[in-house]
Amino acid sequence: MFEKIRKLFDENSVKNCHFIYLKKNGDDFETNFISFGKSHWSNDDDLNGDHIFRLMSMSKPITAIAAMQLVEKR
């Protein structure tokens, strides 16, 4: 699976990629991760699992709009 992701990364202009794979194994979960690219555009450090990312999500505004529309329909 990771080979396909690496191929897509190499073929596109993505600067970095951190991929987490979660698999349920009975009552336990198996996790794997792989990282490609550089940690920051101004240095040459490779990306690894120790880096911290800011995740910006659009789910909150979409959920808020959906909730307002539901209230409006009442």
N, C-alpha and C. Protein backbone atom coordinates (compact mmCIF):
# COMPACT_ATOMS: atom_id res chain seq x y z
N MET A 1 0.82 -1.19 0.00
CA MET A 1 0.00 0.00 0.00
C MET A 1 0.86 1.26 0.00
N PHE A 2 1.91 1.27 0.80
CA PHE A 2 2.76 2.46 0.90
C PHE A 2 3.52 2.73 -0.40
N GLU A 3 3.76 1.68 -1.18
CA GLU A 3 4.45 1.89 -2.45
C GLU A 3 3.59 2.72 -3.41
N LYS A 4 2.28 2.46 -3.41
CA LYS A 4 1.36 3.23 -4.26
C LYS A 4 1.32 4.69 -3.83
N ILE A 5 1.31 4.93 -2.54
CA ILE A 5 1.30 6.30 -2.02
C ILE A 5 2.59 7.00 -2.38
N ARG A 6 3.72 6.31 -2.24
CA ARG A 6 5.01 6.90 -2.59
C ARG A 6 5.06 7.26 -4.08
N LYS A 7 4.51 6.40 -4.93
CA LYS A 7 4.48 6.67 -6.37
C LYS A 7 3.65 7.90 -6.67
N LEU A 8 2.45 8.02 -6.04
CA LEU A 8 1.61 9.20 -6.23
C LEU A 8 2.31 10.46 -5.75
N PHE A 9 3.02 10.37 -4.63
CA PHE A 9 3.75 11.51 -4.09
C PHE A 9 4.84 11.96 -5.06
N ASP A 10 5.59 11.01 -5.60
CA ASP A 10 6.68 11.34 -6.53
C ASP A 10 6.17 11.92 -7.84
N GLU A 11 4.98 11.50 -8.28
CA GLU A 11 4.44 11.96 -9.56
C GLU A 11 3.79 13.33 -9.48
N ASN A 12 3.45 13.81 -8.29
CA ASN A 12 2.73 15.08 -8.12
C ASN A 12 3.61 16.11 -7.44
N SER A 13 3.09 17.31 -7.34
CA SER A 13 3.88 18.41 -6.78
C SER A 13 3.58 18.63 -5.29
N VAL A 14 3.19 17.58 -4.59
CA VAL A 14 2.94 17.68 -3.16
C VAL A 14 4.27 17.84 -2.43
N LYS A 15 4.33 18.78 -1.50
CA LYS A 15 5.58 19.05 -0.80
C LYS A 15 5.87 18.06 0.31
N ASN A 16 4.82 17.62 1.02
CA ASN A 16 5.02 16.61 2.05
C ASN A 16 3.73 15.83 2.24
N CYS A 17 3.87 14.65 2.83
CA CYS A 17 2.74 13.76 3.03
C CYS A 17 2.98 12.93 4.27
N HIS A 18 2.00 12.88 5.15
CA HIS A 18 2.07 12.04 6.35
C HIS A 18 0.84 11.15 6.31
N PHE A 19 1.03 9.87 6.15
CA PHE A 19 -0.06 8.93 5.95
C PHE A 19 -0.13 8.00 7.14
N ILE A 20 -1.33 7.88 7.74
CA ILE A 20 -1.53 6.99 8.88
C ILE A 20 -2.51 5.89 8.45
N TYR A 21 -2.15 4.66 8.73
CA TYR A 21 -2.96 3.51 8.37
C TYR A 21 -3.39 2.81 9.66
N LEU A 22 -4.69 2.68 9.86
CA LEU A 22 -5.26 2.06 11.05
C LEU A 22 -6.03 0.81 10.62
N LYS A 23 -5.72 -0.32 11.26
CA LYS A 23 -6.37 -1.58 10.91
C LYS A 23 -6.84 -2.26 12.19
N LYS A 24 -8.11 -2.67 12.22
CA LYS A 24 -8.64 -3.37 13.38
C LYS A 24 -8.28 -4.84 13.27
N ASN A 25 -7.70 -5.36 14.34
CA ASN A 25 -7.26 -6.74 14.37
C ASN A 25 -7.90 -7.40 15.60
N GLY A 26 -9.14 -7.88 15.46
CA GLY A 26 -9.87 -8.40 16.61
C GLY A 26 -10.28 -7.26 17.52
N ASP A 27 -9.84 -7.31 18.77
CA ASP A 27 -10.12 -6.22 19.71
C ASP A 27 -9.01 -5.18 19.72
N ASP A 28 -7.92 -5.45 19.05
CA ASP A 28 -6.78 -4.53 19.00
C ASP A 28 -6.76 -3.76 17.69
N PHE A 29 -6.02 -2.67 17.71
CA PHE A 29 -5.83 -1.86 16.50
C PHE A 29 -4.34 -1.85 16.15
N GLU A 30 -4.07 -2.01 14.89
CA GLU A 30 -2.70 -1.95 14.38
C GLU A 30 -2.54 -0.63 13.64
N THR A 31 -1.53 0.14 13.99
CA THR A 31 -1.31 1.41 13.32
C THR A 31 0.06 1.42 12.66
N ASN A 32 0.11 2.00 11.51
CA ASN A 32 1.36 2.21 10.78
C ASN A 32 1.33 3.61 10.20
N PHE A 33 2.48 4.21 10.03
CA PHE A 33 2.52 5.51 9.39
C PHE A 33 3.75 5.60 8.51
N ILE A 34 3.65 6.47 7.54
CA ILE A 34 4.79 6.74 6.66
C ILE A 34 4.76 8.21 6.29
N SER A 35 5.92 8.81 6.17
CA SER A 35 6.03 10.23 5.85
C SER A 35 6.97 10.42 4.67
N PHE A 36 6.60 11.36 3.81
CA PHE A 36 7.44 11.72 2.66
C PHE A 36 7.65 13.22 2.66
N GLY A 37 8.78 13.64 2.14
CA GLY A 37 9.01 15.06 1.93
C GLY A 37 9.79 15.71 3.05
N LYS A 38 9.82 17.03 3.00
CA LYS A 38 10.57 17.83 3.97
C LYS A 38 9.64 18.38 5.04
N SER A 39 10.17 18.60 6.23
CA SER A 39 9.35 19.04 7.35
C SER A 39 8.90 20.49 7.22
N HIS A 40 9.68 21.29 6.52
CA HIS A 40 9.36 22.72 6.38
C HIS A 40 9.99 23.20 5.09
N TRP A 41 9.38 24.17 4.44
CA TRP A 41 9.89 24.61 3.15
C TRP A 41 11.23 25.33 3.24
N SER A 42 11.64 25.75 4.46
CA SER A 42 12.89 26.50 4.56
C SER A 42 14.06 25.67 5.09
N ASN A 43 13.87 24.37 5.29
CA ASN A 43 15.00 23.54 5.72
C ASN A 43 14.98 22.20 5.00
N ASP A 44 16.00 21.41 5.24
CA ASP A 44 16.12 20.13 4.55
C ASP A 44 15.87 18.93 5.46
N ASP A 45 15.24 19.13 6.62
CA ASP A 45 14.93 18.02 7.51
C ASP A 45 13.81 17.18 6.93
N ASP A 46 14.00 15.88 6.96
CA ASP A 46 12.96 14.99 6.47
C ASP A 46 11.80 14.93 7.45
N LEU A 47 10.62 14.76 6.91
CA LEU A 47 9.41 14.64 7.71
C LEU A 47 9.41 13.29 8.41
N ASN A 48 9.05 13.27 9.69
CA ASN A 48 8.93 12.01 10.42
C ASN A 48 7.73 12.06 11.35
N GLY A 49 7.52 11.03 12.12
CA GLY A 49 6.36 10.94 12.98
C GLY A 49 6.38 11.85 14.19
N ASP A 50 7.48 12.56 14.44
CA ASP A 50 7.59 13.43 15.60
C ASP A 50 7.17 14.87 15.33
N HIS A 51 6.83 15.19 14.11
CA HIS A 51 6.45 16.56 13.78
C HIS A 51 5.01 16.85 14.18
N ILE A 52 4.76 18.10 14.53
CA ILE A 52 3.43 18.55 14.93
C ILE A 52 2.84 19.36 13.79
N PHE A 53 1.57 19.11 13.47
CA PHE A 53 0.90 19.78 12.36
C PHE A 53 -0.27 20.59 12.87
N ARG A 54 -0.54 21.70 12.21
CA ARG A 54 -1.77 22.45 12.44
C ARG A 54 -2.78 21.95 11.42
N LEU A 55 -3.86 21.41 11.90
CA LEU A 55 -4.91 20.92 11.00
C LEU A 55 -6.03 21.94 10.94
N MET A 56 -6.36 22.36 9.78
CA MET A 56 -7.43 23.32 9.61
C MET A 56 -8.58 22.63 8.90
N SER A 57 -9.70 22.63 9.55
CA SER A 57 -10.83 21.85 9.07
C SER A 57 -11.98 22.75 8.68
N MET A 58 -12.69 22.37 7.65
CA MET A 58 -13.88 23.08 7.22
C MET A 58 -15.14 22.41 7.72
N SER A 59 -15.01 21.39 8.55
CA SER A 59 -16.21 20.68 9.02
C SER A 59 -17.02 21.54 9.99
N LYS A 60 -16.38 22.38 10.79
CA LYS A 60 -17.13 23.20 11.75
C LYS A 60 -18.06 24.20 11.06
N PRO A 61 -17.60 24.98 10.08
CA PRO A 61 -18.52 25.90 9.41
C PRO A 61 -19.64 25.18 8.66
N ILE A 62 -19.33 24.05 8.05
CA ILE A 62 -20.36 23.31 7.31
C ILE A 62 -21.40 22.76 8.28
N THR A 63 -20.95 22.22 9.41
CA THR A 63 -21.88 21.72 10.43
C THR A 63 -22.72 22.85 11.00
N ALA A 64 -22.12 24.02 11.22
CA ALA A 64 -22.86 25.17 11.76
C ALA A 64 -23.94 25.61 10.78
N ILE A 65 -23.62 25.66 9.51
CA ILE A 65 -24.61 26.06 8.50
C ILE A 65 -25.74 25.05 8.44
N ALA A 66 -25.41 23.76 8.49
CA ALA A 66 -26.44 22.72 8.47
C ALA A 66 -27.35 22.85 9.69
N ALA A 67 -26.77 23.09 10.85
CA ALA A 67 -27.58 23.26 12.07
C ALA A 67 -28.48 24.48 11.97
N MET A 68 -27.97 25.60 11.44
CA MET A 68 -28.79 26.81 11.28
C MET A 68 -29.93 26.57 10.30
N GLN A 69 -29.66 25.79 9.23
CA GLN A 69 -30.72 25.50 8.28
C GLN A 69 -31.81 24.64 8.92
N LEU A 70 -31.42 23.69 9.77
CA LEU A 70 -32.41 22.87 10.46
C LEU A 70 -33.27 23.68 11.41
N VAL A 71 -32.63 24.61 12.15
CA VAL A 71 -33.37 25.48 13.05
C VAL A 71 -34.31 26.38 12.26
N GLU A 72 -33.84 26.87 11.13
CA GLU A 72 -34.63 27.76 10.29
C GLU A 72 -35.88 27.06 9.75
N LYS A 73 -35.80 25.76 9.48
CA LYS A 73 -36.93 25.00 8.94
C LYS A 73 -38.01 24.76 9.98
N ARG A 74 -37.71 24.85 11.25
CA ARG A 74 -38.71 24.61 12.32
C ARG A 74 -39.74 25.62 12.27
